[in-house]
Amino acid sequence: MAEAKFETAMKRLEEIVSKMEGGELTLDESLKLFEEGIKLSRILNKKLAEAERKVEVLVKDEAGKLKAEPFDEGETSE
């Protein structure tokens, strides 16, 4: 499941959370789902980090020309 698509992994994680919140699982079932959830969480975080590195924002330089710059969370554009 290491290369699962983001949406598939997210859906599975949501299913796990829902089952665990239901409170009808045995301790062993809960632990197994918890472990799977942790693995999915790590996969999702990795994919989000990869996507963030790819995001670029077009900005105008001093000459008025558009150039691509890495996305910076701290800046807001108008």
C-alpha atoms as a PDB file:
ATOM      1  CA  MET A   1       0.000   0.000   0.000  1.00  0.00           C
ATOM      2  CA  ALA A   2       3.095   2.256   0.051  1.00  0.00           C
ATOM      3  CA  GLU A   3       2.211   3.719  -3.325  1.00  0.00           C
ATOM      4  CA  ALA A   4      -1.526   3.995  -2.778  1.00  0.00           C
ATOM      5  CA  LYS A   5      -3.221   6.936  -4.401  1.00  0.00           C
ATOM      6  CA  PHE A   6      -3.854   9.828  -2.059  1.00  0.00           C
ATOM      7  CA  GLU A   7      -7.629   9.664  -2.372  1.00  0.00           C
ATOM      8  CA  THR A   8      -7.716   5.908  -1.800  1.00  0.00           C
ATOM      9  CA  ALA A   9      -5.518   6.188   1.275  1.00  0.00           C
ATOM     10  CA  MET A  10      -7.596   9.065   2.648  1.00  0.00           C
ATOM     11  CA  LYS A  11     -10.836   7.152   2.155  1.00  0.00           C
ATOM     12  CA  ARG A  12      -9.432   4.110   3.930  1.00  0.00           C
ATOM     13  CA  LEU A  13      -8.195   6.257   6.815  1.00  0.00           C
ATOM     14  CA  GLU A  14     -11.666   7.776   7.154  1.00  0.00           C
ATOM     15  CA  GLU A  15     -13.166   4.273   7.249  1.00  0.00           C
ATOM     16  CA  ILE A  16     -10.742   3.253   9.983  1.00  0.00           C
ATOM     17  CA  VAL A  17     -11.555   6.315  12.083  1.00  0.00           C
ATOM     18  CA  SER A  18     -15.272   5.675  11.680  1.00  0.00           C
ATOM     19  CA  LYS A  19     -14.935   2.036  12.767  1.00  0.00           C
ATOM     20  CA  MET A  20     -12.807   2.949  15.750  1.00  0.00           C
ATOM     21  CA  GLU A  21     -15.211   5.679  16.837  1.00  0.00           C
ATOM     22  CA  GLY A  22     -18.035   3.162  16.682  1.00  0.00           C
ATOM     23  CA  GLY A  23     -16.656   1.468  19.771  1.00  0.00           C
ATOM     24  CA  GLU A  24     -17.687  -2.029  18.743  1.00  0.00           C
ATOM     25  CA  LEU A  25     -14.209  -3.422  18.012  1.00  0.00           C
ATOM     26  CA  THR A  26     -12.187  -5.749  20.166  1.00  0.00           C
ATOM     27  CA  LEU A  27      -8.865  -4.529  21.507  1.00  0.00           C
ATOM     28  CA  ASP A  28      -6.986  -6.608  18.931  1.00  0.00           C
ATOM     29  CA  GLU A  29      -9.109  -5.249  16.069  1.00  0.00           C
ATOM     30  CA  SER A  30      -8.609  -1.706  17.334  1.00  0.00           C
ATOM     31  CA  LEU A  31      -4.840  -2.142  17.550  1.00  0.00           C
ATOM     32  CA  LYS A  32      -4.671  -3.618  14.058  1.00  0.00           C
ATOM     33  CA  LEU A  33      -6.706  -0.741  12.609  1.00  0.00           C
ATOM     34  CA  PHE A  34      -4.693   1.801  14.603  1.00  0.00           C
ATOM     35  CA  GLU A  35      -1.450   0.453  13.119  1.00  0.00           C
ATOM     36  CA  GLU A  36      -2.927   0.587   9.615  1.00  0.00           C
ATOM     37  CA  GLY A  37      -4.118   4.131  10.266  1.00  0.00           C
ATOM     38  CA  ILE A  38      -0.649   5.237  11.360  1.00  0.00           C
ATOM     39  CA  LYS A  39       0.864   3.786   8.167  1.00  0.00           C
ATOM     40  CA  LEU A  40      -1.757   5.550   6.056  1.00  0.00           C
ATOM     41  CA  SER A  41      -1.164   8.796   7.915  1.00  0.00           C
ATOM     42  CA  ARG A  42       2.554   8.613   7.115  1.00  0.00           C
ATOM     43  CA  ILE A  43       1.830   7.901   3.438  1.00  0.00           C
ATOM     44  CA  LEU A  44      -0.577  10.842   3.269  1.00  0.00           C
ATOM     45  CA  ASN A  45       1.873  13.206   4.975  1.00  0.00           C
ATOM     46  CA  LYS A  46       4.621  12.157   2.568  1.00  0.00           C
ATOM     47  CA  LYS A  47       2.395  12.728  -0.461  1.00  0.00           C
ATOM     48  CA  LEU A  48       1.309  16.144   0.837  1.00  0.00           C
ATOM     49  CA  ALA A  49       4.918  17.156   1.429  1.00  0.00           C
ATOM     50  CA  GLU A  50       5.845  16.070  -2.097  1.00  0.00           C
ATOM     51  CA  ALA A  51       2.950  18.032  -3.562  1.00  0.00           C
ATOM     52  CA  GLU A  52       3.857  21.133  -1.561  1.00  0.00           C
ATOM     53  CA  ARG A  53       7.404  21.053  -2.943  1.00  0.00           C
ATOM     54  CA  LYS A  54       5.980  20.995  -6.466  1.00  0.00           C
ATOM     55  CA  VAL A  55       3.673  23.958  -6.009  1.00  0.00           C
ATOM     56  CA  GLU A  56       4.996  27.128  -7.559  1.00  0.00           C
ATOM     57  CA  VAL A  57       3.543  30.603  -7.659  1.00  0.00           C
ATOM     58  CA  LEU A  58       3.891  32.954 -10.591  1.00  0.00           C
ATOM     59  CA  VAL A  59       4.993  36.432  -9.572  1.00  0.00           C
ATOM     60  CA  LYS A  60       6.068  39.549 -11.426  1.00  0.00           C
ATOM     61  CA  ASP A  61       9.660  40.652 -11.129  1.00  0.00           C
ATOM     62  CA  GLU A  62      10.861  44.255 -11.126  1.00  0.00           C
ATOM     63  CA  ALA A  63      10.660  44.392 -14.937  1.00  0.00           C
ATOM     64  CA  GLY A  64       7.024  43.247 -14.874  1.00  0.00           C
ATOM     65  CA  LYS A  65       7.794  39.794 -16.272  1.00  0.00           C
ATOM     66  CA  LEU A  66       6.217  36.682 -14.771  1.00  0.00           C
ATOM     67  CA  LYS A  67       8.558  34.210 -13.131  1.00  0.00           C
ATOM     68  CA  ALA A  68       7.983  31.021 -11.165  1.00  0.00           C
ATOM     69  CA  GLU A  69       8.999  30.910  -7.504  1.00  0.00           C
ATOM     70  CA  PRO A  70       8.627  28.192  -4.895  1.00  0.00           C
ATOM     71  CA  PHE A  71       5.450  28.398  -2.871  1.00  0.00           C
ATOM     72  CA  ASP A  72       5.943  30.101   0.496  1.00  0.00           C
ATOM     73  CA  GLU A  73       3.251  29.437   3.094  1.00  0.00           C
ATOM     74  CA  GLY A  74       4.128  32.567   5.014  1.00  0.00           C
ATOM     75  CA  GLU A  75       3.333  34.907   2.140  1.00  0.00           C
ATOM     76  CA  THR A  76      -0.116  35.804   0.942  1.00  0.00           C
ATOM     77  CA  SER A  77      -0.749  37.151  -2.520  1.00  0.00           C
ATOM     78  CA  GLU A  78      -3.453  39.574  -3.507  1.00  0.00           C
END
